[in-house]
Amino acid sequence: MRRSRFTEEQIISILKEHEAGVPVSDLCRKHGVSDASIY
């Protein structure tokens, strides 16, 4: 099984940022993920 790049805590914090109103494009740039990963 492939190891994840992010821990569960990091993923949760990214999603909470999105819920707080940070645009997806800014999150992608900040954390280095694709927009499809956020959705």
N, C-alpha and C. Protein backbone atom coordinates (compact mmCIF):
# COMPACT_ATOMS: atom_id res chain seq x y z
N MET A 1 0.84 -1.19 0.00
CA MET A 1 0.00 0.00 0.00
C MET A 1 0.89 1.25 0.00
N ARG A 2 0.51 2.23 -0.76
CA ARG A 2 1.29 3.44 -0.89
C ARG A 2 1.10 4.33 0.33
N ARG A 3 2.20 4.92 0.80
CA ARG A 3 2.15 5.80 1.95
C ARG A 3 1.65 7.18 1.53
N SER A 4 0.78 7.77 2.32
CA SER A 4 0.22 9.07 2.02
C SER A 4 1.25 10.18 2.23
N ARG A 5 1.15 11.21 1.43
CA ARG A 5 2.06 12.36 1.57
C ARG A 5 1.71 13.20 2.78
N PHE A 6 0.45 13.20 3.17
CA PHE A 6 -0.02 14.02 4.27
C PHE A 6 -0.57 13.13 5.38
N THR A 7 -0.41 13.58 6.62
CA THR A 7 -1.01 12.86 7.74
C THR A 7 -2.49 13.20 7.80
N GLU A 8 -3.24 12.43 8.58
CA GLU A 8 -4.66 12.71 8.71
C GLU A 8 -4.90 14.10 9.28
N GLU A 9 -4.05 14.51 10.22
CA GLU A 9 -4.20 15.83 10.83
C GLU A 9 -4.00 16.94 9.81
N GLN A 10 -3.04 16.75 8.90
CA GLN A 10 -2.80 17.76 7.88
C GLN A 10 -3.98 17.85 6.91
N ILE A 11 -4.53 16.71 6.54
CA ILE A 11 -5.68 16.69 5.63
C ILE A 11 -6.87 17.38 6.28
N ILE A 12 -7.11 17.10 7.54
CA ILE A 12 -8.23 17.72 8.26
C ILE A 12 -8.04 19.23 8.34
N SER A 13 -6.81 19.69 8.59
CA SER A 13 -6.57 21.13 8.69
C SER A 13 -6.79 21.82 7.34
N ILE A 14 -6.40 21.15 6.25
CA ILE A 14 -6.63 21.72 4.91
C ILE A 14 -8.13 21.84 4.65
N LEU A 15 -8.90 20.81 4.99
CA LEU A 15 -10.34 20.86 4.77
C LEU A 15 -11.01 21.90 5.65
N LYS A 16 -10.52 22.08 6.87
CA LYS A 16 -11.08 23.12 7.76
C LYS A 16 -10.80 24.51 7.21
N GLU A 17 -9.62 24.69 6.60
CA GLU A 17 -9.32 25.97 5.96
C GLU A 17 -10.32 26.24 4.84
N HIS A 18 -10.64 25.20 4.07
CA HIS A 18 -11.60 25.35 2.98
C HIS A 18 -12.98 25.70 3.52
N GLU A 19 -13.39 25.06 4.60
CA GLU A 19 -14.68 25.36 5.21
C GLU A 19 -14.72 26.79 5.75
N ALA A 20 -13.57 27.32 6.15
CA ALA A 20 -13.49 28.68 6.69
C ALA A 20 -13.59 29.74 5.60
N GLY A 21 -13.56 29.31 4.34
CA GLY A 21 -13.75 30.25 3.25
C GLY A 21 -12.54 30.54 2.40
N VAL A 22 -11.45 29.81 2.60
CA VAL A 22 -10.25 30.00 1.78
C VAL A 22 -10.53 29.39 0.40
N PRO A 23 -10.28 30.14 -0.67
CA PRO A 23 -10.53 29.61 -2.02
C PRO A 23 -9.68 28.37 -2.31
N VAL A 24 -10.24 27.44 -3.07
CA VAL A 24 -9.56 26.19 -3.39
C VAL A 24 -8.25 26.45 -4.11
N SER A 25 -8.23 27.43 -5.01
CA SER A 25 -7.00 27.71 -5.75
C SER A 25 -5.87 28.13 -4.81
N ASP A 26 -6.19 28.90 -3.77
CA ASP A 26 -5.16 29.29 -2.80
C ASP A 26 -4.68 28.10 -1.98
N LEU A 27 -5.59 27.22 -1.60
CA LEU A 27 -5.21 26.02 -0.85
C LEU A 27 -4.29 25.13 -1.68
N CYS A 28 -4.61 24.97 -2.95
CA CYS A 28 -3.80 24.13 -3.83
C CYS A 28 -2.39 24.67 -3.95
N ARG A 29 -2.28 25.97 -4.13
CA ARG A 29 -0.97 26.59 -4.26
C ARG A 29 -0.18 26.46 -2.96
N LYS A 30 -0.84 26.69 -1.84
CA LYS A 30 -0.16 26.69 -0.53
C LYS A 30 0.35 25.30 -0.15
N HIS A 31 -0.47 24.26 -0.42
CA HIS A 31 -0.14 22.92 0.03
C HIS A 31 0.41 22.00 -1.07
N GLY A 32 0.40 22.46 -2.31
CA GLY A 32 0.98 21.68 -3.39
C GLY A 32 0.14 20.49 -3.81
N VAL A 33 -1.17 20.66 -3.84
CA VAL A 33 -2.06 19.58 -4.29
C VAL A 33 -2.91 20.09 -5.45
N SER A 34 -3.54 19.16 -6.17
CA SER A 34 -4.40 19.56 -7.28
C SER A 34 -5.79 19.92 -6.74
N ASP A 35 -6.52 20.67 -7.53
CA ASP A 35 -7.87 21.04 -7.08
C ASP A 35 -8.78 19.83 -7.01
N ALA A 36 -8.53 18.82 -7.83
CA ALA A 36 -9.33 17.59 -7.77
C ALA A 36 -9.15 16.88 -6.43
N SER A 37 -7.97 17.00 -5.85
CA SER A 37 -7.73 16.36 -4.55
C SER A 37 -8.57 17.00 -3.45
N ILE A 38 -8.78 18.31 -3.54
CA ILE A 38 -9.57 19.01 -2.53
C ILE A 38 -11.03 18.58 -2.62
N TYR A 39 -11.53 18.47 -3.86
CA TYR A 39 -12.94 18.11 -4.02
C TYR A 39 -13.14 16.62 -3.77
